[in-house]
Amino acid sequence: MKQHPKSRDCIAICAAMAVGSDLKELHKTIGKQEEYSDSDIYMYFLYHGYYAGAIFEVKHDVVKTNSSFKVKVSPQDGPALVYVKSERTKHDLHAIYWDGEQVYDPNPFTKHGRALSSYKITDWVPIKKSQRNGCINSYEAITPRKKKKKKTVKKNRR
């Protein structure tokens, strides 16, 4: 999937690709917006039974330096949302989807399958499928439900 050249919905397209859906379904689930926040996208993942974020095993994945932690991430660890420096606008970030083997870039001017090393990566957000089947109900819990209209059944009187 590719974004419209003037849109800023690369993150939404990446999220839809990650769960095997499309932008139309994402709009139905979380609404159509000009720009999406990380929270919108994380809730969308939860709705589809995915976790976005990182859980690190401190003994092996994290190296402590003076006052910070450095985390080792391997692209072979699996799918991720990857934030990179935008090639179209100087001070913006752009989102691409890494499926664990290949890059899917929603930028309409690039081809899928470009080398991950050709991007200037700023953030790496692993995506994991929940062990549970179905939806993780957090999104439904915070989303107001629409009241269903009761259907009136007219009975024929004779």
Protein backbone atom coordinates (compact mmCIF):
# COMPACT_ATOMS: atom_id res chain seq x y z
CA MET A 1 0.00 0.00 0.00
CA LYS A 2 1.17 3.50 -0.77
CA GLN A 3 0.13 6.82 0.70
CA HIS A 4 -1.15 9.71 -1.37
CA PRO A 5 1.79 12.03 -2.19
CA LYS A 6 0.33 14.88 -0.10
CA SER A 7 -0.89 12.81 2.84
CA ARG A 8 0.78 12.24 6.19
CA ASP A 9 -0.71 8.83 6.94
CA CYS A 10 2.36 6.63 6.53
CA ILE A 11 2.01 5.30 10.08
CA ALA A 12 -1.63 4.32 9.49
CA ILE A 13 -0.72 2.49 6.29
CA CYS A 14 2.10 0.65 8.07
CA ALA A 15 -0.26 -0.38 10.88
CA ALA A 16 -2.82 -1.68 8.38
CA MET A 17 -0.14 -3.65 6.52
CA ALA A 18 1.15 -5.11 9.80
CA VAL A 19 -2.26 -6.58 10.72
CA GLY A 20 -3.04 -7.69 7.17
CA SER A 21 -5.73 -5.11 6.58
CA ASP A 22 -6.18 -1.91 4.60
CA LEU A 23 -6.65 1.81 5.20
CA LYS A 24 -10.44 1.62 4.77
CA GLU A 25 -10.71 -0.84 7.66
CA LEU A 26 -8.36 1.26 9.81
CA HIS A 27 -10.56 4.32 9.19
CA LYS A 28 -13.63 2.31 10.23
CA THR A 29 -11.88 1.16 13.40
CA ILE A 30 -10.22 4.34 14.68
CA GLY A 31 -11.62 7.04 12.41
CA LYS A 32 -10.10 8.94 9.51
CA GLN A 33 -7.65 11.62 10.61
CA GLU A 34 -5.17 13.93 8.95
CA GLU A 35 -2.42 12.64 11.24
CA TYR A 36 -2.44 9.71 13.65
CA SER A 37 -0.89 9.69 17.11
CA ASP A 38 1.15 6.78 18.43
CA SER A 39 -1.72 6.09 20.85
CA ASP A 40 -4.20 5.75 17.96
CA ILE A 41 -1.92 3.24 16.27
CA TYR A 42 -1.19 1.27 19.44
CA MET A 43 -4.93 0.99 20.16
CA TYR A 44 -5.48 -0.21 16.59
CA PHE A 45 -2.88 -2.92 17.16
CA LEU A 46 -4.55 -3.94 20.42
CA TYR A 47 -7.90 -4.13 18.66
CA HIS A 48 -6.38 -6.66 16.25
CA GLY A 49 -4.61 -8.66 18.94
CA TYR A 50 -1.11 -7.20 18.53
CA TYR A 51 1.23 -5.55 20.98
CA ALA A 52 3.42 -2.70 19.76
CA GLY A 53 6.38 -1.81 21.89
CA ALA A 54 9.31 -3.50 23.47
CA ILE A 55 9.82 -5.91 26.30
CA PHE A 56 13.50 -6.49 26.84
CA GLU A 57 15.28 -9.16 28.80
CA VAL A 58 17.62 -7.07 30.92
CA LYS A 59 20.33 -9.71 31.16
CA HIS A 60 20.86 -10.00 27.41
CA ASP A 61 19.19 -7.20 25.45
CA VAL A 62 20.06 -4.12 27.50
CA VAL A 63 23.50 -2.63 28.10
CA LYS A 64 23.71 -0.01 30.85
CA THR A 65 26.02 2.94 30.34
CA ASN A 66 26.56 5.86 32.77
CA SER A 67 23.00 7.15 33.00
CA SER A 68 21.25 5.46 30.12
CA PHE A 69 20.45 2.08 28.62
CA LYS A 70 21.40 0.91 25.14
CA VAL A 71 19.12 -1.74 23.73
CA LYS A 72 20.27 -4.26 21.16
CA VAL A 73 17.64 -4.92 18.51
CA SER A 74 17.99 -7.39 15.70
CA PRO A 75 15.86 -7.04 12.56
CA GLN A 76 15.56 -10.83 12.56
CA ASP A 77 13.60 -10.60 15.82
CA GLY A 78 10.42 -10.05 13.80
CA PRO A 79 8.04 -7.38 12.52
CA ALA A 80 8.37 -3.74 13.54
CA LEU A 81 7.16 -0.25 12.85
CA VAL A 82 10.31 1.64 11.99
CA TYR A 83 10.55 5.40 12.16
CA VAL A 84 13.10 6.88 9.79
CA LYS A 85 14.19 10.35 8.76
CA SER A 86 11.93 11.55 5.97
CA GLU A 87 13.46 11.83 2.54
CA ARG A 88 10.71 14.21 1.40
CA THR A 89 10.70 16.78 4.20
CA LYS A 90 13.79 17.82 6.10
CA HIS A 91 12.59 17.82 9.73
CA ASP A 92 9.94 15.10 9.66
CA LEU A 93 9.91 11.42 10.44
CA HIS A 94 8.47 8.76 8.18
CA ALA A 95 7.18 5.30 9.08
CA ILE A 96 8.00 2.07 7.26
CA TYR A 97 6.90 -1.48 8.04
CA TRP A 98 9.47 -4.25 8.51
CA ASP A 99 7.87 -7.73 8.33
CA GLY A 100 11.00 -9.45 9.65
CA GLU A 101 12.42 -10.01 6.17
CA GLN A 102 11.51 -7.07 3.94
CA VAL A 103 10.77 -3.33 4.10
CA TYR A 104 7.36 -2.03 3.03
CA ASP A 105 7.57 1.71 2.49
CA PRO A 106 4.28 3.63 2.02
CA ASN A 107 6.19 6.51 0.37
CA PRO A 108 4.67 6.67 -3.12
CA PHE A 109 8.08 7.44 -4.62
CA THR A 110 9.91 4.35 -3.36
CA LYS A 111 9.62 0.63 -4.06
CA HIS A 112 8.96 -2.05 -1.45
CA GLY A 113 11.94 -4.23 -0.66
CA ARG A 114 14.50 -1.47 -0.35
CA ALA A 115 17.38 -2.36 1.99
CA LEU A 116 16.73 -1.53 5.63
CA SER A 117 20.28 -0.18 5.88
CA SER A 118 19.48 2.52 3.29
CA TYR A 119 17.24 4.33 5.80
CA LYS A 120 18.29 6.60 8.67
CA ILE A 121 16.46 4.82 11.49
CA THR A 122 15.41 6.85 14.53
CA ASP A 123 13.01 4.46 16.33
CA TRP A 124 12.26 0.74 16.23
CA VAL A 125 8.90 -0.48 17.58
CA PRO A 126 8.57 -4.28 17.63
CA ILE A 127 5.13 -5.72 16.85
CA LYS A 128 4.08 -9.01 18.44
CA LYS A 129 0.90 -11.03 17.95
CA SER A 130 -0.86 -11.83 21.20
CA GLN A 131 -0.97 -15.47 22.27
CA ARG A 132 -4.71 -15.03 22.79
CA ASN A 133 -7.09 -15.49 19.92
CA GLY A 134 -9.08 -12.46 18.89
CA CYS A 135 -9.12 -8.90 20.05
CA ILE A 136 -7.40 -7.50 23.12
CA ASN A 137 -10.35 -5.53 24.42
CA SER A 138 -8.53 -2.34 25.48
CA TYR A 139 -9.63 -0.42 22.39
CA GLU A 140 -13.24 -1.45 22.81
CA ALA A 141 -13.09 -0.53 26.50
CA ILE A 142 -12.09 3.07 25.79
CA THR A 143 -14.21 3.56 22.68
CA PRO A 144 -17.81 4.64 23.28
CA ARG A 145 -20.18 2.07 21.85
CA LYS A 146 -22.93 3.18 19.54
CA LYS A 147 -26.36 2.37 20.85
CA LYS A 148 -28.15 -0.10 18.65
CA LYS A 149 -31.57 0.91 17.49
CA LYS A 150 -34.26 -1.49 18.47
CA LYS A 151 -36.10 -2.90 15.54
CA THR A 152 -39.85 -2.67 15.76
CA VAL A 153 -41.70 -5.59 14.38
CA LYS A 154 -45.18 -4.85 13.11
CA LYS A 155 -47.61 -7.66 13.47
CA ASN A 156 -50.32 -8.17 10.97
CA ARG A 157 -53.71 -8.18 12.61
CA ARG A 158 -56.54 -10.00 10.98
